[in-house]
Amino acid sequence: MGAYKYVSELWRKKQSDVMRFVQRVRCWEYRQQPSIVRLVRPTRPDKARRLGYKAKQGFVVYRVRVRRGGRKRPVPKGIVYGKPTNQGVTQLKFQRSKRSVAEERAGRKLGGLRVVNSYWLNEVSTKPYFTCQI
């Protein structure tokens, strides 16, 4: 087996002692940094290459943090108008995935570049992390 096969095997068994420890340490490190951070190289090289990443000029990798939870309707002071069926403010379900939100945020920050792909990286109680390839 090649090196990429071993790495992907490690990531497949996320509940193993080694991966749980590594994920916990990395999560602590990620929390100390801002929500969108440029990386020197992808954290999961096997996954990145499967999704189209190449280690050459023009490919950039960013880590993006997103908040979990429902969507709150942006209404001033909670004042809503119309029928009672349309008056929900807090218990709304956002229709897009956290991954697509992360891709959008990375793309908005880097307007001149195009987001190629992204993948799940880590997750703490309320904060999933994604790696976006740009």
C-alpha atoms as a PDB file:
ATOM      1  CA  MET A   1       0.000   0.000   0.000  1.00  0.00           C
ATOM      2  CA  GLY A   2       1.156   3.511  -0.809  1.00  0.00           C
ATOM      3  CA  ALA A   3       1.326   6.393   1.639  1.00  0.00           C
ATOM      4  CA  TYR A   4      -2.001   7.888   0.524  1.00  0.00           C
ATOM      5  CA  LYS A   5      -3.728   4.582   1.196  1.00  0.00           C
ATOM      6  CA  TYR A   6      -2.435   4.571   4.785  1.00  0.00           C
ATOM      7  CA  VAL A   7      -3.475   8.187   5.330  1.00  0.00           C
ATOM      8  CA  SER A   8      -6.976   7.586   3.981  1.00  0.00           C
ATOM      9  CA  GLU A   9      -7.255   4.478   6.170  1.00  0.00           C
ATOM     10  CA  LEU A  10      -6.414   6.600   9.226  1.00  0.00           C
ATOM     11  CA  TRP A  11      -9.096   9.142   8.331  1.00  0.00           C
ATOM     12  CA  ARG A  12     -11.635   6.394   7.730  1.00  0.00           C
ATOM     13  CA  LYS A  13     -11.304   5.248  11.366  1.00  0.00           C
ATOM     14  CA  LYS A  14     -12.091   8.527  13.117  1.00  0.00           C
ATOM     15  CA  GLN A  15     -13.002   6.819  16.404  1.00  0.00           C
ATOM     16  CA  SER A  16      -9.545   5.307  16.911  1.00  0.00           C
ATOM     17  CA  ASP A  17      -7.478   6.579  19.838  1.00  0.00           C
ATOM     18  CA  VAL A  18      -4.857   8.179  17.599  1.00  0.00           C
ATOM     19  CA  MET A  19      -7.345  10.112  15.473  1.00  0.00           C
ATOM     20  CA  ARG A  20      -9.424  11.223  18.454  1.00  0.00           C
ATOM     21  CA  PHE A  21      -6.329  12.625  20.144  1.00  0.00           C
ATOM     22  CA  VAL A  22      -5.095  14.335  16.966  1.00  0.00           C
ATOM     23  CA  GLN A  23      -8.539  15.811  16.270  1.00  0.00           C
ATOM     24  CA  ARG A  24      -8.840  17.143  19.823  1.00  0.00           C
ATOM     25  CA  VAL A  25      -5.424  18.813  19.710  1.00  0.00           C
ATOM     26  CA  ARG A  26      -6.067  20.286  16.265  1.00  0.00           C
ATOM     27  CA  CYS A  27      -9.475  21.577  17.316  1.00  0.00           C
ATOM     28  CA  TRP A  28      -7.906  23.465  20.199  1.00  0.00           C
ATOM     29  CA  GLU A  29      -5.394  24.956  17.758  1.00  0.00           C
ATOM     30  CA  TYR A  30      -8.119  25.922  15.255  1.00  0.00           C
ATOM     31  CA  ARG A  31     -10.148  27.685  17.943  1.00  0.00           C
ATOM     32  CA  GLN A  32      -7.264  30.074  18.656  1.00  0.00           C
ATOM     33  CA  GLN A  33      -7.197  31.235  15.014  1.00  0.00           C
ATOM     34  CA  PRO A  34      -9.668  33.360  13.024  1.00  0.00           C
ATOM     35  CA  SER A  35     -12.591  31.744  11.213  1.00  0.00           C
ATOM     36  CA  ILE A  36     -10.970  31.861   7.754  1.00  0.00           C
ATOM     37  CA  VAL A  37      -7.262  30.918   7.646  1.00  0.00           C
ATOM     38  CA  ARG A  38      -4.963  30.235   4.715  1.00  0.00           C
ATOM     39  CA  LEU A  39      -3.080  26.934   4.931  1.00  0.00           C
ATOM     40  CA  VAL A  40       0.315  26.138   3.461  1.00  0.00           C
ATOM     41  CA  ARG A  41      -0.856  22.695   2.325  1.00  0.00           C
ATOM     42  CA  PRO A  42      -4.039  20.652   2.770  1.00  0.00           C
ATOM     43  CA  THR A  43      -4.602  18.870   6.074  1.00  0.00           C
ATOM     44  CA  ARG A  44      -5.871  15.763   4.261  1.00  0.00           C
ATOM     45  CA  PRO A  45      -3.674  15.422   1.151  1.00  0.00           C
ATOM     46  CA  ASP A  46      -5.351  12.214  -0.036  1.00  0.00           C
ATOM     47  CA  LYS A  47      -8.833  13.744   0.042  1.00  0.00           C
ATOM     48  CA  ALA A  48      -7.613  17.009  -1.483  1.00  0.00           C
ATOM     49  CA  ARG A  49      -6.026  15.228  -4.439  1.00  0.00           C
ATOM     50  CA  ARG A  50      -9.166  13.163  -4.996  1.00  0.00           C
ATOM     51  CA  LEU A  51     -11.133  16.412  -5.181  1.00  0.00           C
ATOM     52  CA  GLY A  52      -8.808  18.012  -7.723  1.00  0.00           C
ATOM     53  CA  TYR A  53      -6.020  19.671  -5.719  1.00  0.00           C
ATOM     54  CA  LYS A  54      -2.539  19.818  -7.230  1.00  0.00           C
ATOM     55  CA  ALA A  55       0.557  21.073  -5.432  1.00  0.00           C
ATOM     56  CA  LYS A  56       1.382  23.786  -7.927  1.00  0.00           C
ATOM     57  CA  GLN A  57       1.053  27.514  -8.355  1.00  0.00           C
ATOM     58  CA  GLY A  58      -2.505  28.759  -8.512  1.00  0.00           C
ATOM     59  CA  PHE A  59      -4.009  26.344  -5.966  1.00  0.00           C
ATOM     60  CA  VAL A  60      -4.748  27.854  -2.564  1.00  0.00           C
ATOM     61  CA  VAL A  61      -6.150  26.089   0.511  1.00  0.00           C
ATOM     62  CA  TYR A  62      -8.203  27.748   3.259  1.00  0.00           C
ATOM     63  CA  ARG A  63      -9.745  26.427   6.462  1.00  0.00           C
ATOM     64  CA  VAL A  64     -13.199  27.849   7.239  1.00  0.00           C
ATOM     65  CA  ARG A  65     -15.165  27.685  10.487  1.00  0.00           C
ATOM     66  CA  VAL A  66     -18.978  27.707  10.414  1.00  0.00           C
ATOM     67  CA  ARG A  67     -21.454  27.840  13.291  1.00  0.00           C
ATOM     68  CA  ARG A  68     -23.934  25.037  13.788  1.00  0.00           C
ATOM     69  CA  GLY A  69     -27.548  25.628  14.678  1.00  0.00           C
ATOM     70  CA  GLY A  70     -30.702  26.991  13.125  1.00  0.00           C
ATOM     71  CA  ARG A  71     -31.192  30.204  11.225  1.00  0.00           C
ATOM     72  CA  LYS A  72     -32.685  33.271  12.890  1.00  0.00           C
ATOM     73  CA  ARG A  73     -34.732  35.515  10.621  1.00  0.00           C
ATOM     74  CA  PRO A  74     -33.150  38.983  10.392  1.00  0.00           C
ATOM     75  CA  VAL A  75     -36.079  41.157  11.513  1.00  0.00           C
ATOM     76  CA  PRO A  76     -35.581  44.386  13.489  1.00  0.00           C
ATOM     77  CA  LYS A  77     -36.594  43.862  17.146  1.00  0.00           C
ATOM     78  CA  GLY A  78     -38.438  40.663  16.194  1.00  0.00           C
ATOM     79  CA  ILE A  79     -41.268  42.612  14.546  1.00  0.00           C
ATOM     80  CA  VAL A  80     -42.901  40.526  11.825  1.00  0.00           C
ATOM     81  CA  TYR A  81     -45.929  41.360   9.716  1.00  0.00           C
ATOM     82  CA  GLY A  82     -48.635  39.330   8.049  1.00  0.00           C
ATOM     83  CA  LYS A  83     -50.382  36.117   8.959  1.00  0.00           C
ATOM     84  CA  PRO A  84     -49.342  34.049  12.000  1.00  0.00           C
ATOM     85  CA  THR A  85     -47.968  31.298   9.731  1.00  0.00           C
ATOM     86  CA  ASN A  86     -45.240  33.684   8.545  1.00  0.00           C
ATOM     87  CA  GLN A  87     -44.311  35.004  11.976  1.00  0.00           C
ATOM     88  CA  GLY A  88     -41.610  32.492  12.872  1.00  0.00           C
ATOM     89  CA  VAL A  89     -38.297  34.064  13.851  1.00  0.00           C
ATOM     90  CA  THR A  90     -36.209  31.483  15.705  1.00  0.00           C
ATOM     91  CA  GLN A  91     -37.130  27.941  14.706  1.00  0.00           C
ATOM     92  CA  LEU A  92     -36.287  28.265  11.010  1.00  0.00           C
ATOM     93  CA  LYS A  93     -34.269  25.547   9.254  1.00  0.00           C
ATOM     94  CA  PHE A  94     -31.553  26.718   6.874  1.00  0.00           C
ATOM     95  CA  GLN A  95     -31.895  24.887   3.557  1.00  0.00           C
ATOM     96  CA  ARG A  96     -28.199  24.814   2.599  1.00  0.00           C
ATOM     97  CA  SER A  97     -25.460  22.627   4.042  1.00  0.00           C
ATOM     98  CA  LYS A  98     -22.710  23.950   6.296  1.00  0.00           C
ATOM     99  CA  ARG A  99     -20.194  22.935   3.646  1.00  0.00           C
ATOM    100  CA  SER A 100     -21.803  25.165   1.011  1.00  0.00           C
ATOM    101  CA  VAL A 101     -21.883  28.052   3.505  1.00  0.00           C
ATOM    102  CA  ALA A 102     -18.150  27.560   4.142  1.00  0.00           C
ATOM    103  CA  GLU A 103     -17.443  27.538   0.397  1.00  0.00           C
ATOM    104  CA  GLU A 104     -19.453  30.722  -0.062  1.00  0.00           C
ATOM    105  CA  ARG A 105     -17.618  32.531   2.742  1.00  0.00           C
ATOM    106  CA  ALA A 106     -14.226  31.559   1.379  1.00  0.00           C
ATOM    107  CA  GLY A 107     -15.272  32.648  -2.112  1.00  0.00           C
ATOM    108  CA  ARG A 108     -16.564  35.974  -0.822  1.00  0.00           C
ATOM    109  CA  LYS A 109     -13.298  36.670   0.994  1.00  0.00           C
ATOM    110  CA  LEU A 110     -11.248  35.828  -2.122  1.00  0.00           C
ATOM    111  CA  GLY A 111     -13.268  37.519  -4.839  1.00  0.00           C
ATOM    112  CA  GLY A 112     -10.755  37.073  -7.655  1.00  0.00           C
ATOM    113  CA  LEU A 113     -10.473  33.307  -7.163  1.00  0.00           C
ATOM    114  CA  ARG A 114     -12.919  30.447  -7.700  1.00  0.00           C
ATOM    115  CA  VAL A 115     -13.754  27.763  -5.139  1.00  0.00           C
ATOM    116  CA  VAL A 116     -13.003  24.348  -6.642  1.00  0.00           C
ATOM    117  CA  ASN A 117     -14.107  22.020  -3.861  1.00  0.00           C
ATOM    118  CA  SER A 118     -14.217  21.504  -0.107  1.00  0.00           C
ATOM    119  CA  TYR A 119     -14.313  18.719   2.469  1.00  0.00           C
ATOM    120  CA  TRP A 120     -15.086  18.182   6.148  1.00  0.00           C
ATOM    121  CA  LEU A 121     -12.101  18.541   8.432  1.00  0.00           C
ATOM    122  CA  ASN A 122     -13.067  18.596  12.099  1.00  0.00           C
ATOM    123  CA  GLU A 123     -15.916  19.457  14.414  1.00  0.00           C
ATOM    124  CA  VAL A 124     -16.327  20.770  17.948  1.00  0.00           C
ATOM    125  CA  SER A 125     -19.693  21.051  19.694  1.00  0.00           C
ATOM    126  CA  THR A 126     -20.957  24.043  17.701  1.00  0.00           C
ATOM    127  CA  LYS A 127     -18.245  24.620  15.113  1.00  0.00           C
ATOM    128  CA  PRO A 128     -17.579  22.377  12.115  1.00  0.00           C
ATOM    129  CA  TYR A 129     -14.401  23.109  10.133  1.00  0.00           C
ATOM    130  CA  PHE A 130     -14.073  22.682   6.371  1.00  0.00           C
ATOM    131  CA  THR A 131     -11.091  22.928   4.048  1.00  0.00           C
ATOM    132  CA  CYS A 132     -11.840  24.856   0.849  1.00  0.00           C
ATOM    133  CA  GLN A 133      -9.690  24.431  -2.257  1.00  0.00           C
ATOM    134  CA  ILE A 134      -9.503  27.610  -4.269  1.00  0.00           C
END
